[in-house]
């Protein structure tokens, strides 16, 4: 798999991990609005978005990946977005 295809696969899986986390753990539907890769040695991608139908409730989430494993690293959010911890 070439670098572009690999990056596209990472983005796809990171977005899916983010959507699943918010749906299953927070009972929220979210819209992904962007992504940015972190330093290559950290194998992380930053995903940004907002709660569906409420653009004021925004978040940034770090997804760490290794092989086929994708995990939530950290979450930052707008003050108006309340999460269940």
Foldseek 3Di string as FASTA:
>chain_A
DDPVVVVVVLVVVQVVVVQCCCCPFFVFGWDWDDKDDDPPVQQKMKTKTATPPDRQWIKIWIWHDDDHDIDTDDMDIHPPDDGDD
